[in-house]
Every structure is written in C-alpha cells, then in structure tokens.
C-alpha atoms as a PDB file:
ATOM      1  CA  UNK A   1       0.066  -0.256   0.089  1.00  0.00           C
ATOM      2  CA  UNK A   2       0.986   3.457  -0.792  1.00  0.00           C
ATOM      3  CA  UNK A   3       1.587   6.093   1.516  1.00  0.00           C
ATOM      4  CA  UNK A   4       0.226   9.857   0.947  1.00  0.00           C
ATOM      5  CA  UNK A   5       0.697  12.334   2.988  1.00  0.00           C
ATOM      6  CA  UNK A   6      -2.385  14.875   3.780  1.00  0.00           C
ATOM      7  CA  UNK A   7      -1.357  18.607   4.903  1.00  0.00           C
ATOM      8  CA  UNK A   8      -2.707  18.317   8.267  1.00  0.00           C
ATOM      9  CA  UNK A   9      -0.160  15.772   9.532  1.00  0.00           C
ATOM     10  CA  UNK A  10       2.066  16.874  12.113  1.00  0.00           C
ATOM     11  CA  UNK A  11       5.694  18.107  10.864  1.00  0.00           C
ATOM     12  CA  UNK A  12       7.538  14.797  13.381  1.00  0.00           C
ATOM     13  CA  UNK A  13       5.366  12.689  12.077  1.00  0.00           C
ATOM     14  CA  UNK A  14       5.847  13.677   8.671  1.00  0.00           C
ATOM     15  CA  UNK A  15       9.637  14.069   9.198  1.00  0.00           C
ATOM     16  CA  UNK A  16       8.986  10.000  10.742  1.00  0.00           C
ATOM     17  CA  UNK A  17       7.894   8.725   7.571  1.00  0.00           C
ATOM     18  CA  UNK A  18      11.003   8.770   5.450  1.00  0.00           C
ATOM     19  CA  UNK A  19      14.582  11.034   6.787  1.00  0.00           C
ATOM     20  CA  UNK A  20      14.426  12.776   2.866  1.00  0.00           C
ATOM     21  CA  UNK A  21      11.567  14.302   4.152  1.00  0.00           C
ATOM     22  CA  UNK A  22      13.945  16.947   5.398  1.00  0.00           C
ATOM     23  CA  UNK A  23      15.413  18.014   2.331  1.00  0.00           C
ATOM     24  CA  UNK A  24      12.485  18.821   0.494  1.00  0.00           C
ATOM     25  CA  UNK A  25      11.440  20.911   3.437  1.00  0.00           C
ATOM     26  CA  UNK A  26      14.329  22.785   3.136  1.00  0.00           C
ATOM     27  CA  UNK A  27      14.324  22.755  -0.132  1.00  0.00           C
ATOM     28  CA  UNK A  28      10.660  23.936  -0.513  1.00  0.00           C
ATOM     29  CA  UNK A  29      12.438  26.711   1.770  1.00  0.00           C
ATOM     30  CA  UNK A  30      10.992  25.402   5.087  1.00  0.00           C
ATOM     31  CA  UNK A  31      14.966  26.398   6.612  1.00  0.00           C
ATOM     32  CA  UNK A  32      13.544  26.085  10.502  1.00  0.00           C
ATOM     33  CA  UNK A  33      13.192  21.813  10.324  1.00  0.00           C
ATOM     34  CA  UNK A  34      14.912  21.683  13.841  1.00  0.00           C
ATOM     35  CA  UNK A  35      12.609  24.650  15.556  1.00  0.00           C
ATOM     36  CA  UNK A  36      11.119  22.707  18.149  1.00  0.00           C
ATOM     37  CA  UNK A  37       7.972  24.691  17.801  1.00  0.00           C
ATOM     38  CA  UNK A  38       7.574  23.413  14.019  1.00  0.00           C
ATOM     39  CA  UNK A  39       7.685  19.758  15.364  1.00  0.00           C
ATOM     40  CA  UNK A  40       4.065  20.659  16.431  1.00  0.00           C
ATOM     41  CA  UNK A  41       2.118  22.249  13.467  1.00  0.00           C
ATOM     42  CA  UNK A  42       0.960  20.406  10.519  1.00  0.00           C
ATOM     43  CA  UNK A  43       2.449  20.583   7.565  1.00  0.00           C
ATOM     44  CA  UNK A  44      -0.507  24.110   6.355  1.00  0.00           C
ATOM     45  CA  UNK A  45       0.493  25.749   8.979  1.00  0.00           C
ATOM     46  CA  UNK A  46       4.175  25.118   8.061  1.00  0.00           C
ATOM     47  CA  UNK A  47       3.382  26.395   4.591  1.00  0.00           C
ATOM     48  CA  UNK A  48       1.629  28.891   5.389  1.00  0.00           C
ATOM     49  CA  UNK A  49       3.759  30.863   7.298  1.00  0.00           C
ATOM     50  CA  UNK A  50       6.750  30.273   4.529  1.00  0.00           C
ATOM     51  CA  UNK A  51       4.170  31.382   1.868  1.00  0.00           C
ATOM     52  CA  UNK A  52       4.464  28.042   0.478  1.00  0.00           C
ATOM     53  CA  UNK A  53       1.475  26.734  -1.168  1.00  0.00           C
ATOM     54  CA  UNK A  54       1.000  23.151   1.188  1.00  0.00           C
ATOM     55  CA  UNK A  55      -1.016  21.523  -1.795  1.00  0.00           C
ATOM     56  CA  UNK A  56       1.953  21.786  -4.143  1.00  0.00           C
ATOM     57  CA  UNK A  57       4.336  20.453  -1.292  1.00  0.00           C
ATOM     58  CA  UNK A  58       1.659  17.469  -1.112  1.00  0.00           C
ATOM     59  CA  UNK A  59       2.471  17.073  -4.696  1.00  0.00           C
ATOM     60  CA  UNK A  60       5.906  16.859  -4.341  1.00  0.00           C
ATOM     61  CA  UNK A  61       5.829  14.453  -1.466  1.00  0.00           C
ATOM     62  CA  UNK A  62       3.599  11.741  -2.087  1.00  0.00           C
ATOM     63  CA  UNK A  63       5.156  12.158  -5.826  1.00  0.00           C
ATOM     64  CA  UNK A  64       8.961  11.478  -3.857  1.00  0.00           C
ATOM     65  CA  UNK A  65       7.123   8.542  -1.651  1.00  0.00           C
ATOM     66  CA  UNK A  66       5.535   6.884  -5.130  1.00  0.00           C
ATOM     67  CA  UNK A  67       8.812   6.390  -6.500  1.00  0.00           C
END
C-alpha cells in the first residue's frame, strides 16, 4: 500500500515517514525544521508561515513517496 501524505500531518510525524523529508522541506524554503515549535505544526500551517503552497508541496512529497 502506497503512503499518502496530507497537509494536516504534523511535521514531527512527517519527518518520521522518511528521512529525505528534511531535504524536501528545506528545498521548499522551510529552513526551521529543527525548531522545536515547528515539530507540532501541521504541514499546512508551516507552509502558510513560509508562503508556500501546501497543495503543491504535498504533491511533491507524495510524488517522492510513490517512487
């Protein structure tokens, strides 16, 4: 069964899915992944803070996971 990420996933949970998530998020402009407060945010909340389209990032993450 293929993993699917949604924009309501908590950042800490996303990072536990696959170690490469750090690189994907940093490439998207989220350089605060190590910040303790970011760990409790949803992916959508983090995207909104950084001016990133959450749907586009979710698509990128799911494309990676589908490989």
